[in-house]
Amino acid sequence: MKTATQLLAGKDSVIWSITPDSTVLDAIKLMGEKEIGALIVTEGNTLVGIVSERDYARKVILKGKESHSTSISEIMSANVVSVSPGESIENCMSLMTKHKIRHLPVMERGRVTGVLSIGDLVKAIIAEQSDTIAHLEEYIRS
């Protein structure tokens, strides 16, 4: 089974982030431009949270707050679940399911090296299962 690092190798290496004092509107604009569902929240080089489209929907829209005057620090998830680079895809998926999250930062020596999405993991698992099926079919035929 592949690891978090192996999965990140096939992705764009840019890590999109925002600061806690930025507005929600800034975050939504950036997520829209980059076609991503979450941003890590950093102060300097330190991970302090993560903000997602789900946070926007539940903590801004449903509560009647205004995107241009609400700061990221008001809606971000501060207790970030993360993994090390060697973590297996299976364990990443298990963590995401357990914590009901869709984005998982990969951390090495206190720094974010990438972010895995649930979509990244599902694609990897499907590819791995397809390979296994192909090998089994070849074995059966031989």
N, C-alpha and C. Protein backbone atom coordinates (compact mmCIF):
# COMPACT_ATOMS: atom_id res chain seq x y z
N MET A 1 0.85 -1.19 0.00
CA MET A 1 0.00 0.00 0.00
C MET A 1 0.89 1.24 0.00
N LYS A 2 0.47 2.25 -0.75
CA LYS A 2 1.24 3.49 -0.86
C LYS A 2 1.21 4.28 0.44
N THR A 3 2.16 5.21 0.53
CA THR A 3 2.26 6.10 1.69
C THR A 3 1.80 7.52 1.32
N ALA A 4 1.66 8.35 2.33
CA ALA A 4 1.27 9.74 2.11
C ALA A 4 2.27 10.44 1.19
N THR A 5 3.55 10.21 1.39
CA THR A 5 4.57 10.84 0.55
C THR A 5 4.44 10.40 -0.91
N GLN A 6 4.21 9.12 -1.13
CA GLN A 6 4.06 8.62 -2.49
C GLN A 6 2.84 9.25 -3.17
N LEU A 7 1.79 9.45 -2.43
CA LEU A 7 0.59 10.07 -2.98
C LEU A 7 0.84 11.54 -3.29
N LEU A 8 1.55 12.23 -2.39
CA LEU A 8 1.87 13.64 -2.62
C LEU A 8 2.76 13.84 -3.84
N ALA A 9 3.60 12.85 -4.15
CA ALA A 9 4.52 12.95 -5.29
C ALA A 9 3.77 13.13 -6.61
N GLY A 10 2.55 12.63 -6.66
CA GLY A 10 1.75 12.74 -7.88
C GLY A 10 0.87 13.98 -7.93
N LYS A 11 0.99 14.84 -6.93
CA LYS A 11 0.16 16.05 -6.85
C LYS A 11 1.00 17.30 -7.09
N ASP A 12 0.32 18.39 -7.35
CA ASP A 12 0.97 19.70 -7.43
C ASP A 12 1.61 19.95 -6.07
N SER A 13 2.83 20.45 -6.06
CA SER A 13 3.56 20.62 -4.79
C SER A 13 3.23 21.90 -4.04
N VAL A 14 2.38 22.76 -4.62
CA VAL A 14 2.03 24.02 -3.97
C VAL A 14 1.08 23.73 -2.81
N ILE A 15 1.37 24.33 -1.66
CA ILE A 15 0.51 24.20 -0.49
C ILE A 15 -0.17 25.55 -0.29
N TRP A 16 -1.46 25.59 -0.48
CA TRP A 16 -2.21 26.85 -0.38
C TRP A 16 -2.57 27.10 1.08
N SER A 17 -2.26 28.31 1.54
CA SER A 17 -2.53 28.65 2.94
C SER A 17 -3.06 30.07 3.05
N ILE A 18 -3.51 30.38 4.24
CA ILE A 18 -4.05 31.70 4.56
C ILE A 18 -3.73 31.98 6.02
N THR A 19 -3.75 33.23 6.41
CA THR A 19 -3.46 33.59 7.80
C THR A 19 -4.76 33.69 8.60
N PRO A 20 -4.69 33.54 9.91
CA PRO A 20 -5.90 33.57 10.74
C PRO A 20 -6.62 34.92 10.72
N ASP A 21 -5.89 36.00 10.44
CA ASP A 21 -6.53 37.32 10.44
C ASP A 21 -7.12 37.70 9.07
N SER A 22 -6.95 36.84 8.07
CA SER A 22 -7.57 37.06 6.76
C SER A 22 -9.08 36.91 6.90
N THR A 23 -9.81 37.44 5.94
CA THR A 23 -11.27 37.30 5.98
C THR A 23 -11.70 36.00 5.32
N VAL A 24 -12.90 35.59 5.67
CA VAL A 24 -13.48 34.40 5.07
C VAL A 24 -13.63 34.62 3.57
N LEU A 25 -13.98 35.83 3.16
CA LEU A 25 -14.12 36.13 1.75
C LEU A 25 -12.80 35.89 1.01
N ASP A 26 -11.69 36.28 1.61
CA ASP A 26 -10.37 36.02 1.01
C ASP A 26 -10.16 34.53 0.80
N ALA A 27 -10.53 33.75 1.80
CA ALA A 27 -10.35 32.30 1.73
C ALA A 27 -11.23 31.68 0.65
N ILE A 28 -12.48 32.08 0.59
CA ILE A 28 -13.41 31.53 -0.40
C ILE A 28 -12.94 31.89 -1.81
N LYS A 29 -12.48 33.12 -1.99
CA LYS A 29 -11.96 33.52 -3.31
C LYS A 29 -10.76 32.66 -3.70
N LEU A 30 -9.83 32.45 -2.77
CA LEU A 30 -8.64 31.66 -3.07
C LEU A 30 -9.01 30.20 -3.37
N MET A 31 -9.91 29.64 -2.58
CA MET A 31 -10.33 28.26 -2.83
C MET A 31 -11.00 28.14 -4.20
N GLY A 32 -11.80 29.13 -4.56
CA GLY A 32 -12.46 29.12 -5.86
C GLY A 32 -11.45 29.23 -7.01
N GLU A 33 -10.49 30.14 -6.88
CA GLU A 33 -9.47 30.33 -7.91
C GLU A 33 -8.64 29.07 -8.12
N LYS A 34 -8.29 28.42 -7.04
CA LYS A 34 -7.41 27.25 -7.10
C LYS A 34 -8.17 25.94 -7.22
N GLU A 35 -9.50 26.02 -7.17
CA GLU A 35 -10.36 24.83 -7.26
C GLU A 35 -9.99 23.79 -6.21
N ILE A 36 -9.91 24.27 -4.97
CA ILE A 36 -9.62 23.39 -3.84
C ILE A 36 -10.69 23.57 -2.77
N GLY A 37 -10.81 22.62 -1.87
CA GLY A 37 -11.85 22.66 -0.87
C GLY A 37 -11.42 23.08 0.52
N ALA A 38 -10.12 23.32 0.71
CA ALA A 38 -9.63 23.71 2.03
C ALA A 38 -8.30 24.42 1.91
N LEU A 39 -8.00 25.21 2.93
CA LEU A 39 -6.71 25.90 3.04
C LEU A 39 -6.13 25.63 4.41
N ILE A 40 -4.83 25.45 4.48
CA ILE A 40 -4.24 25.39 5.80
C ILE A 40 -4.11 26.82 6.32
N VAL A 41 -4.18 26.98 7.61
CA VAL A 41 -4.08 28.29 8.23
C VAL A 41 -2.74 28.33 8.96
N THR A 42 -1.93 29.33 8.60
CA THR A 42 -0.58 29.41 9.16
C THR A 42 -0.28 30.79 9.74
N GLU A 43 0.55 30.77 10.76
CA GLU A 43 1.16 31.99 11.30
C GLU A 43 2.65 31.78 11.12
N GLY A 44 3.25 32.56 10.22
CA GLY A 44 4.63 32.30 9.86
C GLY A 44 4.68 30.96 9.17
N ASN A 45 5.52 30.07 9.66
CA ASN A 45 5.60 28.71 9.10
C ASN A 45 4.89 27.68 9.97
N THR A 46 4.10 28.16 10.94
CA THR A 46 3.45 27.26 11.88
C THR A 46 2.00 27.01 11.51
N LEU A 47 1.63 25.74 11.45
CA LEU A 47 0.24 25.36 11.19
C LEU A 47 -0.59 25.66 12.43
N VAL A 48 -1.63 26.48 12.28
CA VAL A 48 -2.49 26.81 13.42
C VAL A 48 -3.94 26.37 13.21
N GLY A 49 -4.25 25.91 11.99
CA GLY A 49 -5.61 25.47 11.73
C GLY A 49 -5.81 25.08 10.29
N ILE A 50 -7.05 24.75 9.99
CA ILE A 50 -7.46 24.44 8.62
C ILE A 50 -8.87 24.99 8.44
N VAL A 51 -9.15 25.52 7.27
CA VAL A 51 -10.48 26.05 6.98
C VAL A 51 -10.96 25.44 5.67
N SER A 52 -12.21 25.03 5.65
CA SER A 52 -12.76 24.35 4.48
C SER A 52 -14.08 24.97 4.05
N GLU A 53 -14.52 24.54 2.89
CA GLU A 53 -15.83 24.98 2.40
C GLU A 53 -16.92 24.58 3.40
N ARG A 54 -16.73 23.46 4.05
CA ARG A 54 -17.70 23.01 5.05
C ARG A 54 -17.76 23.99 6.23
N ASP A 55 -16.60 24.48 6.67
CA ASP A 55 -16.57 25.49 7.73
C ASP A 55 -17.34 26.73 7.30
N TYR A 56 -17.13 27.13 6.05
CA TYR A 56 -17.83 28.30 5.51
C TYR A 56 -19.34 28.10 5.55
N ALA A 57 -19.79 26.96 5.06
CA ALA A 57 -21.23 26.69 5.02
C ALA A 57 -21.84 26.63 6.41
N ARG A 58 -21.18 25.97 7.33
CA ARG A 58 -21.76 25.75 8.66
C ARG A 58 -21.54 26.89 9.64
N LYS A 59 -20.42 27.60 9.51
CA LYS A 59 -20.07 28.60 10.52
C LYS A 59 -20.24 30.04 10.05
N VAL A 60 -20.51 30.23 8.78
CA VAL A 60 -20.74 31.58 8.26
C VAL A 60 -22.15 31.68 7.71
N ILE A 61 -22.44 30.94 6.66
CA ILE A 61 -23.74 31.03 6.00
C ILE A 61 -24.88 30.69 6.95
N LEU A 62 -24.81 29.53 7.59
CA LEU A 62 -25.91 29.09 8.45
C LEU A 62 -26.07 29.95 9.70
N LYS A 63 -25.01 30.66 10.10
CA LYS A 63 -25.09 31.50 11.29
C LYS A 63 -25.31 32.97 10.94
N GLY A 64 -25.51 33.25 9.65
CA GLY A 64 -25.81 34.61 9.23
C GLY A 64 -24.66 35.60 9.35
N LYS A 65 -23.44 35.10 9.38
CA LYS A 65 -22.27 35.99 9.45
C LYS A 65 -21.95 36.52 8.06
N GLU A 66 -21.12 37.54 8.01
CA GLU A 66 -20.73 38.14 6.74
C GLU A 66 -19.30 37.74 6.38
N SER A 67 -19.13 37.27 5.16
CA SER A 67 -17.83 36.78 4.70
C SER A 67 -16.75 37.84 4.70
N HIS A 68 -17.11 39.08 4.40
CA HIS A 68 -16.10 40.13 4.30
C HIS A 68 -15.67 40.68 5.66
N SER A 69 -16.42 40.36 6.72
CA SER A 69 -16.04 40.89 8.04
C SER A 69 -15.74 39.79 9.07
N THR A 70 -15.84 38.56 8.68
CA THR A 70 -15.53 37.44 9.58
C THR A 70 -14.11 36.96 9.30
N SER A 71 -13.32 36.81 10.36
CA SER A 71 -11.93 36.36 10.17
C SER A 71 -11.86 34.84 10.16
N ILE A 72 -10.83 34.35 9.53
CA ILE A 72 -10.59 32.92 9.46
C ILE A 72 -10.48 32.31 10.86
N SER A 73 -9.86 33.04 11.78
CA SER A 73 -9.68 32.52 13.14
C SER A 73 -11.01 32.21 13.82
N GLU A 74 -12.09 32.86 13.38
CA GLU A 74 -13.41 32.63 13.97
C GLU A 74 -14.05 31.33 13.51
N ILE A 75 -13.64 30.82 12.35
CA ILE A 75 -14.32 29.63 11.81
C ILE A 75 -13.40 28.44 11.56
N MET A 76 -12.09 28.64 11.64
CA MET A 76 -11.17 27.54 11.33
C MET A 76 -11.23 26.43 12.38
N SER A 77 -10.82 25.26 11.97
CA SER A 77 -10.66 24.15 12.90
C SER A 77 -9.22 24.22 13.42
N ALA A 78 -9.08 24.45 14.72
CA ALA A 78 -7.74 24.64 15.30
C ALA A 78 -7.08 23.32 15.68
N ASN A 79 -7.86 22.31 16.00
CA ASN A 79 -7.30 21.00 16.36
C ASN A 79 -7.15 20.18 15.08
N VAL A 80 -6.04 20.38 14.41
CA VAL A 80 -5.83 19.77 13.11
C VAL A 80 -5.29 18.34 13.24
N VAL A 81 -5.97 17.43 12.60
CA VAL A 81 -5.50 16.04 12.52
C VAL A 81 -4.52 16.00 11.36
N SER A 82 -3.33 15.46 11.60
CA SER A 82 -2.32 15.38 10.54
C SER A 82 -1.64 14.02 10.59
N VAL A 83 -0.84 13.74 9.56
CA VAL A 83 -0.11 12.47 9.50
C VAL A 83 1.35 12.75 9.13
N SER A 84 2.18 11.75 9.36
CA SER A 84 3.58 11.83 8.96
C SER A 84 3.69 11.31 7.52
N PRO A 85 4.79 11.62 6.84
CA PRO A 85 4.95 11.23 5.44
C PRO A 85 4.87 9.73 5.18
N GLY A 86 5.26 8.91 6.13
CA GLY A 86 5.26 7.47 5.93
C GLY A 86 3.93 6.78 6.21
N GLU A 87 2.93 7.54 6.58
CA GLU A 87 1.63 6.96 6.92
C GLU A 87 1.01 6.28 5.69
N SER A 88 0.42 5.11 5.89
CA SER A 88 -0.20 4.40 4.77
C SER A 88 -1.51 5.07 4.37
N ILE A 89 -1.88 4.87 3.12
CA ILE A 89 -3.14 5.42 2.63
C ILE A 89 -4.30 4.86 3.45
N GLU A 90 -4.19 3.59 3.79
CA GLU A 90 -5.24 2.93 4.59
C GLU A 90 -5.42 3.64 5.94
N ASN A 91 -4.32 3.96 6.61
CA ASN A 91 -4.40 4.66 7.90
C ASN A 91 -4.91 6.09 7.73
N CYS A 92 -4.50 6.74 6.64
CA CYS A 92 -5.01 8.10 6.36
C CYS A 92 -6.52 8.07 6.20
N MET A 93 -7.01 7.09 5.44
CA MET A 93 -8.46 6.96 5.22
C MET A 93 -9.17 6.68 6.53
N SER A 94 -8.58 5.84 7.35
CA SER A 94 -9.17 5.52 8.65
C SER A 94 -9.28 6.76 9.54
N LEU A 95 -8.21 7.57 9.57
CA LEU A 95 -8.23 8.80 10.36
C LEU A 95 -9.30 9.78 9.86
N MET A 96 -9.38 9.91 8.55
CA MET A 96 -10.36 10.83 7.98
C MET A 96 -11.79 10.38 8.31
N THR A 97 -12.01 9.10 8.25
CA THR A 97 -13.34 8.56 8.57
C THR A 97 -13.65 8.76 10.06
N LYS A 98 -12.69 8.43 10.91
CA LYS A 98 -12.87 8.55 12.36
C LYS A 98 -13.18 9.99 12.78
N HIS A 99 -12.45 10.94 12.18
CA HIS A 99 -12.59 12.35 12.59
C HIS A 99 -13.57 13.14 11.71
N LYS A 100 -14.16 12.45 10.72
CA LYS A 100 -15.12 13.07 9.80
C LYS A 100 -14.55 14.32 9.14
N ILE A 101 -13.35 14.15 8.56
CA ILE A 101 -12.67 15.25 7.87
C ILE A 101 -12.40 14.83 6.43
N ARG A 102 -12.18 15.83 5.57
CA ARG A 102 -11.93 15.55 4.16
C ARG A 102 -10.57 16.03 3.68
N HIS A 103 -9.80 16.65 4.57
CA HIS A 103 -8.46 17.14 4.21
C HIS A 103 -7.50 16.81 5.34
N LEU A 104 -6.32 16.32 4.97
CA LEU A 104 -5.38 15.81 5.94
C LEU A 104 -3.96 16.33 5.64
N PRO A 105 -3.48 17.29 6.44
CA PRO A 105 -2.12 17.77 6.23
C PRO A 105 -1.09 16.68 6.55
N VAL A 106 -0.03 16.66 5.76
CA VAL A 106 1.09 15.76 5.98
C VAL A 106 2.21 16.61 6.57
N MET A 107 2.68 16.22 7.76
CA MET A 107 3.66 17.02 8.51
C MET A 107 4.98 16.27 8.64
N GLU A 108 6.07 17.03 8.46
CA GLU A 108 7.40 16.47 8.69
C GLU A 108 8.23 17.53 9.40
N ARG A 109 8.77 17.18 10.57
CA ARG A 109 9.57 18.08 11.39
C ARG A 109 8.86 19.42 11.65
N GLY A 110 7.57 19.35 11.96
CA GLY A 110 6.81 20.54 12.31
C GLY A 110 6.36 21.39 11.14
N ARG A 111 6.59 20.93 9.92
CA ARG A 111 6.21 21.69 8.73
C ARG A 111 5.24 20.88 7.87
N VAL A 112 4.31 21.59 7.24
CA VAL A 112 3.38 20.94 6.32
C VAL A 112 4.10 20.68 5.01
N THR A 113 4.09 19.42 4.57
CA THR A 113 4.73 19.07 3.30
C THR A 113 3.71 18.85 2.19
N GLY A 114 2.44 18.79 2.57
CA GLY A 114 1.38 18.63 1.59
C GLY A 114 0.05 18.40 2.29
N VAL A 115 -1.01 18.37 1.49
CA VAL A 115 -2.35 18.13 2.03
C VAL A 115 -3.02 17.08 1.15
N LEU A 116 -3.51 16.03 1.78
CA LEU A 116 -4.24 14.98 1.07
C LEU A 116 -5.74 15.21 1.24
N SER A 117 -6.48 15.03 0.16
CA SER A 117 -7.93 15.13 0.24
C SER A 117 -8.52 13.73 0.20
N ILE A 118 -9.77 13.63 0.58
CA ILE A 118 -10.45 12.34 0.53
C ILE A 118 -10.47 11.82 -0.91
N GLY A 119 -10.59 12.74 -1.86
CA GLY A 119 -10.56 12.36 -3.27
C GLY A 119 -9.24 11.74 -3.67
N ASP A 120 -8.14 12.30 -3.17
CA ASP A 120 -6.81 11.72 -3.45
C ASP A 120 -6.74 10.28 -2.97
N LEU A 121 -7.25 10.06 -1.78
CA LEU A 121 -7.19 8.71 -1.20
C LEU A 121 -8.09 7.73 -1.94
N VAL A 122 -9.28 8.17 -2.28
CA VAL A 122 -10.21 7.29 -3.00
C VAL A 122 -9.62 6.90 -4.36
N LYS A 123 -9.06 7.87 -5.08
CA LYS A 123 -8.43 7.57 -6.38
C LYS A 123 -7.31 6.55 -6.22
N ALA A 124 -6.49 6.73 -5.20
CA ALA A 124 -5.36 5.82 -4.98
C ALA A 124 -5.85 4.41 -4.65
N ILE A 125 -6.87 4.32 -3.82
CA ILE A 125 -7.40 3.00 -3.44
C ILE A 125 -8.03 2.31 -4.65
N ILE A 126 -8.78 3.07 -5.46
CA ILE A 126 -9.39 2.49 -6.66
C ILE A 126 -8.31 2.00 -7.62
N ALA A 127 -7.25 2.80 -7.81
CA ALA A 127 -6.16 2.40 -8.70
C ALA A 127 -5.49 1.13 -8.19
N GLU A 128 -5.27 1.07 -6.89
CA GLU A 128 -4.64 -0.11 -6.31
C GLU A 128 -5.52 -1.35 -6.47
N GLN A 129 -6.82 -1.18 -6.24
CA GLN A 129 -7.75 -2.31 -6.41
C GLN A 129 -7.83 -2.76 -7.86
N SER A 130 -7.79 -1.80 -8.79
CA SER A 130 -7.81 -2.14 -10.21
C SER A 130 -6.58 -2.94 -10.59
N ASP A 131 -5.42 -2.55 -10.05
CA ASP A 131 -4.19 -3.29 -10.31
C ASP A 131 -4.28 -4.71 -9.76
N THR A 132 -4.81 -4.84 -8.56
CA THR A 132 -4.97 -6.16 -7.94
C THR A 132 -5.89 -7.04 -8.77
N ILE A 133 -6.99 -6.47 -9.24
CA ILE A 133 -7.95 -7.23 -10.07
C ILE A 133 -7.28 -7.67 -11.36
N ALA A 134 -6.53 -6.77 -11.99
CA ALA A 134 -5.84 -7.11 -13.24
C ALA A 134 -4.85 -8.25 -13.02
N HIS A 135 -4.10 -8.19 -11.91
CA HIS A 135 -3.14 -9.25 -11.61
C HIS A 135 -3.84 -10.58 -11.35
N LEU A 136 -4.95 -10.53 -10.64
CA LEU A 136 -5.70 -11.77 -10.36
C LEU A 136 -6.28 -12.35 -11.64
N GLU A 137 -6.80 -11.50 -12.51
CA GLU A 137 -7.34 -11.99 -13.78
C GLU A 137 -6.25 -12.63 -14.62
N GLU A 138 -5.07 -12.00 -14.63
CA GLU A 138 -3.93 -12.55 -15.38
C GLU A 138 -3.51 -13.89 -14.79
N TYR A 139 -3.50 -14.00 -13.48
CA TYR A 139 -3.14 -15.23 -12.81
C TYR A 139 -4.13 -16.34 -13.17
N ILE A 140 -5.42 -16.01 -13.17
CA ILE A 140 -6.46 -16.99 -13.48
C ILE A 140 -6.31 -17.49 -14.93
N ARG A 141 -6.00 -16.57 -15.83
CA ARG A 141 -5.87 -16.92 -17.24
C ARG A 141 -4.63 -17.77 -17.53
N SER A 142 -3.61 -17.63 -16.69
CA SER A 142 -2.36 -18.35 -16.98
C SER A 142 -2.31 -19.73 -16.39
